[in-house]
N, C-alpha and C. Protein backbone atom coordinates (compact mmCIF):
# COMPACT_ATOMS: atom_id res chain seq x y z
N UNK A 1 0.84 -1.18 0.00
CA UNK A 1 0.00 0.00 0.00
C UNK A 1 0.88 1.24 0.00
N UNK A 2 0.57 2.18 -0.88
CA UNK A 2 1.32 3.42 -0.98
C UNK A 2 0.69 4.46 -0.06
N UNK A 3 1.52 5.12 0.73
CA UNK A 3 1.04 6.19 1.60
C UNK A 3 1.36 7.53 0.94
N UNK A 4 0.35 8.31 0.65
CA UNK A 4 0.52 9.62 0.02
C UNK A 4 0.24 10.69 1.06
N UNK A 5 1.13 11.64 1.20
CA UNK A 5 0.94 12.72 2.15
C UNK A 5 -0.08 13.72 1.63
N UNK A 6 -0.80 14.39 2.52
CA UNK A 6 -1.75 15.42 2.08
C UNK A 6 -1.00 16.61 1.47
N UNK A 7 -1.74 17.43 0.73
CA UNK A 7 -1.16 18.66 0.19
C UNK A 7 -0.81 19.55 1.38
N UNK A 8 0.41 20.09 1.45
CA UNK A 8 0.79 20.91 2.60
C UNK A 8 -0.12 22.13 2.78
N UNK A 9 -0.41 22.45 4.03
CA UNK A 9 -1.30 23.57 4.35
C UNK A 9 -0.81 24.89 3.77
N UNK A 10 0.51 25.09 3.68
CA UNK A 10 1.02 26.36 3.16
C UNK A 10 0.68 26.55 1.69
N UNK A 11 0.28 25.49 0.99
CA UNK A 11 -0.15 25.61 -0.40
C UNK A 11 -1.67 25.74 -0.53
N UNK A 12 -2.39 25.61 0.58
CA UNK A 12 -3.85 25.61 0.56
C UNK A 12 -4.39 26.85 1.29
N UNK A 13 -4.27 28.01 0.69
CA UNK A 13 -4.70 29.22 1.39
C UNK A 13 -5.90 29.92 0.81
N UNK A 14 -6.53 29.32 -0.18
CA UNK A 14 -7.65 29.98 -0.87
C UNK A 14 -8.99 29.41 -0.42
N UNK A 15 -10.04 30.20 -0.61
CA UNK A 15 -11.42 29.78 -0.36
C UNK A 15 -12.22 30.01 -1.65
N UNK A 16 -13.19 29.15 -1.90
CA UNK A 16 -14.08 29.30 -3.06
C UNK A 16 -15.51 29.10 -2.58
N UNK A 17 -16.47 29.53 -3.38
CA UNK A 17 -17.88 29.24 -3.11
C UNK A 17 -18.34 28.27 -4.18
N UNK A 18 -18.80 27.11 -3.77
CA UNK A 18 -19.31 26.09 -4.68
C UNK A 18 -20.81 26.27 -4.83
N UNK A 19 -21.28 26.35 -6.07
CA UNK A 19 -22.71 26.55 -6.36
C UNK A 19 -23.18 25.32 -7.13
N UNK A 20 -24.04 24.53 -6.51
CA UNK A 20 -24.53 23.32 -7.16
C UNK A 20 -26.04 23.42 -7.37
N UNK A 21 -26.52 22.84 -8.47
CA UNK A 21 -27.97 22.88 -8.73
C UNK A 21 -28.72 21.96 -7.79
N UNK A 22 -29.94 22.39 -7.44
CA UNK A 22 -30.85 21.56 -6.64
C UNK A 22 -32.18 21.51 -7.37
N UNK A 23 -33.12 20.77 -6.83
CA UNK A 23 -34.44 20.70 -7.44
C UNK A 23 -35.18 22.02 -7.43
N UNK A 24 -34.82 22.89 -6.49
CA UNK A 24 -35.54 24.17 -6.39
C UNK A 24 -34.66 25.38 -6.70
N UNK A 25 -33.50 25.17 -7.29
CA UNK A 25 -32.62 26.30 -7.63
C UNK A 25 -31.17 25.91 -7.48
N UNK A 26 -30.45 26.62 -6.61
CA UNK A 26 -29.04 26.31 -6.37
C UNK A 26 -28.74 26.35 -4.88
N UNK A 27 -27.65 25.70 -4.51
CA UNK A 27 -27.17 25.68 -3.14
C UNK A 27 -25.72 26.16 -3.16
N UNK A 28 -25.40 27.18 -2.35
CA UNK A 28 -24.06 27.73 -2.29
C UNK A 28 -23.45 27.48 -0.93
N UNK A 29 -22.15 27.11 -0.93
CA UNK A 29 -21.43 27.00 0.33
C UNK A 29 -19.96 27.24 0.10
N UNK A 30 -19.31 27.79 1.11
CA UNK A 30 -17.89 28.11 1.03
C UNK A 30 -17.07 26.87 1.31
N UNK A 31 -16.06 26.65 0.47
CA UNK A 31 -15.11 25.56 0.65
C UNK A 31 -13.78 26.22 1.03
N UNK A 32 -13.24 25.83 2.16
CA UNK A 32 -12.05 26.46 2.72
C UNK A 32 -10.79 25.63 2.48
N UNK A 33 -9.67 26.35 2.42
CA UNK A 33 -8.35 25.73 2.40
C UNK A 33 -8.11 24.89 1.15
N UNK A 34 -8.32 25.51 0.00
CA UNK A 34 -8.01 24.89 -1.29
C UNK A 34 -6.87 25.70 -1.94
N UNK A 35 -6.35 25.19 -3.02
CA UNK A 35 -5.35 25.94 -3.80
C UNK A 35 -5.97 26.28 -5.15
N UNK A 36 -5.90 27.56 -5.52
CA UNK A 36 -6.41 28.00 -6.81
C UNK A 36 -5.24 28.54 -7.63
N UNK A 37 -5.08 27.98 -8.83
CA UNK A 37 -4.09 28.48 -9.78
C UNK A 37 -4.88 29.13 -10.91
N UNK A 38 -4.59 30.41 -11.18
CA UNK A 38 -5.39 31.19 -12.12
C UNK A 38 -4.59 31.51 -13.37
N UNK A 39 -5.22 31.34 -14.53
CA UNK A 39 -4.66 31.72 -15.82
C UNK A 39 -5.41 32.95 -16.28
N UNK A 40 -4.72 34.05 -16.49
CA UNK A 40 -5.37 35.32 -16.81
C UNK A 40 -5.97 35.36 -18.21
N UNK A 41 -5.30 34.75 -19.17
CA UNK A 41 -5.84 34.77 -20.53
C UNK A 41 -5.51 33.46 -21.21
N UNK A 42 -6.34 33.10 -22.15
CA UNK A 42 -6.21 31.84 -22.86
C UNK A 42 -5.98 32.15 -24.33
N UNK A 43 -4.97 31.56 -24.92
CA UNK A 43 -4.71 31.75 -26.33
C UNK A 43 -5.37 30.64 -27.12
N UNK A 44 -6.22 31.01 -28.04
CA UNK A 44 -6.87 30.04 -28.93
C UNK A 44 -6.03 29.98 -30.20
N UNK A 45 -5.23 28.92 -30.31
CA UNK A 45 -4.29 28.82 -31.42
C UNK A 45 -4.99 28.56 -32.76
N UNK A 46 -6.21 28.05 -32.73
CA UNK A 46 -6.93 27.81 -33.97
C UNK A 46 -7.33 29.12 -34.63
N UNK A 47 -7.91 30.03 -33.85
CA UNK A 47 -8.34 31.31 -34.42
C UNK A 47 -7.30 32.41 -34.24
N UNK A 48 -6.21 32.09 -33.54
CA UNK A 48 -5.09 33.02 -33.31
C UNK A 48 -5.51 34.28 -32.58
N UNK A 49 -6.39 34.13 -31.62
CA UNK A 49 -6.78 35.25 -30.79
C UNK A 49 -6.60 34.86 -29.32
N UNK A 50 -6.49 35.87 -28.50
CA UNK A 50 -6.40 35.64 -27.06
C UNK A 50 -7.74 36.01 -26.44
N UNK A 51 -8.36 35.06 -25.78
CA UNK A 51 -9.63 35.31 -25.11
C UNK A 51 -9.34 35.84 -23.71
N UNK A 52 -10.21 36.69 -23.20
CA UNK A 52 -10.02 37.19 -21.85
C UNK A 52 -10.64 36.30 -20.79
N UNK A 53 -11.25 35.20 -21.20
CA UNK A 53 -11.83 34.28 -20.22
C UNK A 53 -10.74 33.64 -19.39
N UNK A 54 -10.80 33.87 -18.13
CA UNK A 54 -9.85 33.29 -17.20
C UNK A 54 -10.22 31.85 -16.92
N UNK A 55 -9.22 31.03 -16.73
CA UNK A 55 -9.45 29.65 -16.28
C UNK A 55 -8.74 29.46 -14.95
N UNK A 56 -9.31 28.59 -14.12
CA UNK A 56 -8.68 28.26 -12.85
C UNK A 56 -8.54 26.74 -12.73
N UNK A 57 -7.51 26.34 -12.02
CA UNK A 57 -7.35 24.95 -11.60
C UNK A 57 -7.40 24.97 -10.09
N UNK A 58 -8.26 24.15 -9.52
CA UNK A 58 -8.45 24.12 -8.07
C UNK A 58 -8.05 22.74 -7.54
N UNK A 59 -7.29 22.76 -6.44
CA UNK A 59 -6.87 21.54 -5.77
C UNK A 59 -7.56 21.49 -4.41
N UNK A 60 -8.31 20.40 -4.17
CA UNK A 60 -9.03 20.16 -2.91
C UNK A 60 -8.39 18.94 -2.27
N UNK A 61 -7.94 19.06 -1.03
CA UNK A 61 -7.29 17.96 -0.32
C UNK A 61 -8.28 17.33 0.66
N UNK A 62 -8.46 16.01 0.60
CA UNK A 62 -9.44 15.35 1.46
C UNK A 62 -9.10 15.46 2.94
N UNK A 63 -7.84 15.68 3.29
CA UNK A 63 -7.47 15.79 4.69
C UNK A 63 -7.48 17.22 5.21
N UNK A 64 -7.08 18.18 4.38
CA UNK A 64 -6.90 19.56 4.85
C UNK A 64 -7.94 20.56 4.36
N UNK A 65 -8.69 20.25 3.33
CA UNK A 65 -9.73 21.16 2.84
C UNK A 65 -11.06 20.79 3.50
N UNK A 66 -11.95 21.75 3.65
CA UNK A 66 -13.22 21.46 4.32
C UNK A 66 -14.28 22.47 3.88
N UNK A 67 -15.55 22.15 4.02
CA UNK A 67 -16.13 20.86 4.38
C UNK A 67 -16.01 19.86 3.22
N UNK A 68 -16.45 18.65 3.47
CA UNK A 68 -16.43 17.62 2.44
C UNK A 68 -17.26 18.07 1.25
N UNK A 69 -16.75 17.82 0.03
CA UNK A 69 -17.46 18.30 -1.16
C UNK A 69 -17.13 17.45 -2.37
N UNK A 70 -18.03 17.49 -3.33
CA UNK A 70 -17.80 16.94 -4.65
C UNK A 70 -17.86 18.11 -5.62
N UNK A 71 -17.20 17.98 -6.76
CA UNK A 71 -17.13 19.07 -7.72
C UNK A 71 -17.54 18.54 -9.09
N UNK A 72 -18.85 18.41 -9.32
CA UNK A 72 -19.32 17.84 -10.59
C UNK A 72 -19.16 18.81 -11.76
N UNK A 73 -18.95 18.24 -12.92
CA UNK A 73 -18.87 19.04 -14.15
C UNK A 73 -20.18 19.81 -14.29
N UNK A 74 -20.09 21.06 -14.71
CA UNK A 74 -21.18 22.00 -14.92
C UNK A 74 -21.62 22.72 -13.65
N UNK A 75 -21.09 22.33 -12.47
CA UNK A 75 -21.34 23.12 -11.27
C UNK A 75 -20.60 24.45 -11.42
N UNK A 76 -20.94 25.41 -10.59
CA UNK A 76 -20.33 26.73 -10.66
C UNK A 76 -19.50 27.00 -9.42
N UNK A 77 -18.51 27.88 -9.58
CA UNK A 77 -17.63 28.26 -8.48
C UNK A 77 -17.44 29.77 -8.53
N UNK A 78 -17.52 30.43 -7.38
CA UNK A 78 -17.18 31.85 -7.28
C UNK A 78 -15.78 31.95 -6.68
N UNK A 79 -14.95 32.79 -7.31
CA UNK A 79 -13.60 33.04 -6.79
C UNK A 79 -13.18 34.45 -7.20
N UNK A 80 -12.77 35.24 -6.22
CA UNK A 80 -12.30 36.62 -6.43
C UNK A 80 -13.26 37.44 -7.29
N UNK A 81 -14.55 37.34 -7.03
CA UNK A 81 -15.53 38.18 -7.71
C UNK A 81 -15.99 37.69 -9.06
N UNK A 82 -15.53 36.53 -9.50
CA UNK A 82 -15.94 35.98 -10.79
C UNK A 82 -16.60 34.62 -10.60
N UNK A 83 -17.40 34.23 -11.59
CA UNK A 83 -18.07 32.93 -11.57
C UNK A 83 -17.47 32.06 -12.66
N UNK A 84 -17.19 30.81 -12.31
CA UNK A 84 -16.57 29.85 -13.21
C UNK A 84 -17.46 28.62 -13.32
N UNK A 85 -17.41 27.97 -14.48
CA UNK A 85 -18.12 26.70 -14.67
C UNK A 85 -17.09 25.59 -14.72
N UNK A 86 -17.33 24.52 -13.95
CA UNK A 86 -16.40 23.40 -13.90
C UNK A 86 -16.47 22.62 -15.22
N UNK A 87 -15.31 22.47 -15.85
CA UNK A 87 -15.22 21.78 -17.13
C UNK A 87 -14.80 20.32 -16.97
N UNK A 88 -13.94 20.06 -16.01
CA UNK A 88 -13.49 18.69 -15.75
C UNK A 88 -13.12 18.56 -14.29
N UNK A 89 -13.33 17.38 -13.75
CA UNK A 89 -13.05 17.12 -12.34
C UNK A 89 -12.49 15.72 -12.21
N UNK A 90 -11.40 15.60 -11.46
CA UNK A 90 -10.75 14.29 -11.33
C UNK A 90 -10.39 14.02 -9.87
N UNK A 91 -10.75 12.84 -9.39
CA UNK A 91 -10.40 12.40 -8.04
C UNK A 91 -9.13 11.56 -8.14
N UNK A 92 -8.12 11.90 -7.35
CA UNK A 92 -6.89 11.13 -7.28
C UNK A 92 -6.97 10.23 -6.06
N UNK A 93 -6.65 8.94 -6.24
CA UNK A 93 -6.79 7.96 -5.17
C UNK A 93 -5.51 7.14 -5.01
N UNK A 94 -5.30 6.66 -3.80
CA UNK A 94 -4.36 5.57 -3.55
C UNK A 94 -5.26 4.43 -3.08
N UNK A 95 -5.29 4.16 -1.79
CA UNK A 95 -6.26 3.19 -1.28
C UNK A 95 -7.58 3.86 -0.93
N UNK A 96 -7.58 5.20 -0.87
CA UNK A 96 -8.79 5.99 -0.64
C UNK A 96 -8.59 7.32 -1.36
N UNK A 97 -9.64 8.12 -1.51
CA UNK A 97 -9.48 9.42 -2.19
C UNK A 97 -8.43 10.28 -1.48
N UNK A 98 -7.57 10.91 -2.25
CA UNK A 98 -6.49 11.73 -1.71
C UNK A 98 -6.75 13.21 -1.96
N UNK A 99 -7.02 13.57 -3.21
CA UNK A 99 -7.36 14.96 -3.53
C UNK A 99 -8.14 15.00 -4.83
N UNK A 100 -8.74 16.16 -5.07
CA UNK A 100 -9.50 16.41 -6.29
C UNK A 100 -8.84 17.59 -7.00
N UNK A 101 -8.73 17.47 -8.30
CA UNK A 101 -8.29 18.60 -9.12
C UNK A 101 -9.40 18.88 -10.12
N UNK A 102 -9.85 20.13 -10.17
CA UNK A 102 -10.81 20.46 -11.21
C UNK A 102 -10.40 21.74 -11.93
N UNK A 103 -10.84 21.82 -13.18
CA UNK A 103 -10.58 23.00 -14.01
C UNK A 103 -11.91 23.66 -14.32
N UNK A 104 -11.90 24.98 -14.32
CA UNK A 104 -13.12 25.74 -14.56
C UNK A 104 -12.81 26.97 -15.39
N UNK A 105 -13.77 27.40 -16.20
CA UNK A 105 -13.63 28.57 -17.07
C UNK A 105 -14.57 29.67 -16.61
N UNK A 106 -14.06 30.90 -16.62
CA UNK A 106 -14.86 32.06 -16.22
C UNK A 106 -16.04 32.22 -17.18
N UNK A 107 -17.24 32.40 -16.58
CA UNK A 107 -18.42 32.60 -17.40
C UNK A 107 -19.06 33.96 -17.18
N UNK A 108 -18.78 34.60 -16.02
CA UNK A 108 -19.34 35.92 -15.79
C UNK A 108 -18.72 36.56 -14.56
N UNK A 109 -19.00 37.85 -14.42
CA UNK A 109 -18.66 38.55 -13.20
C UNK A 109 -19.65 38.10 -12.13
N UNK A 110 -19.25 38.04 -10.90
CA UNK A 110 -20.12 37.57 -9.82
C UNK A 110 -21.40 38.40 -9.73
N UNK A 111 -21.29 39.72 -9.97
CA UNK A 111 -22.48 40.58 -9.87
C UNK A 111 -23.53 40.20 -10.92
N UNK A 112 -23.08 39.72 -12.08
CA UNK A 112 -24.00 39.31 -13.14
C UNK A 112 -24.74 38.02 -12.77
N UNK A 113 -24.15 37.23 -11.90
CA UNK A 113 -24.69 35.92 -11.57
C UNK A 113 -25.73 35.99 -10.45
N UNK A 114 -25.52 36.88 -9.49
CA UNK A 114 -26.41 36.95 -8.31
C UNK A 114 -27.81 37.34 -8.66
């Protein structure tokens, strides 16, 4: 059995708001102690233009991030005043879940979403 250490706390200093759909609308809750890596602009090499849509990669550690959460594709995340849609989500496991990495693309300013 391989023992994998949790992501160090010094790398997990960000908070996000996870917005998931429910039968009657949406449910929002803050997820603490994650790592967010932000890309300011994306270059579309096919059309040779740079889009201003920001993308983020978020790392959630099962031991150090809280509360417990899942990050399904198409759920929304608020971070630093912007709203992102989750494009892909992957759970990394050894003998049990270790961490989740998901990627999301900016879809609007937070004020436009509320």
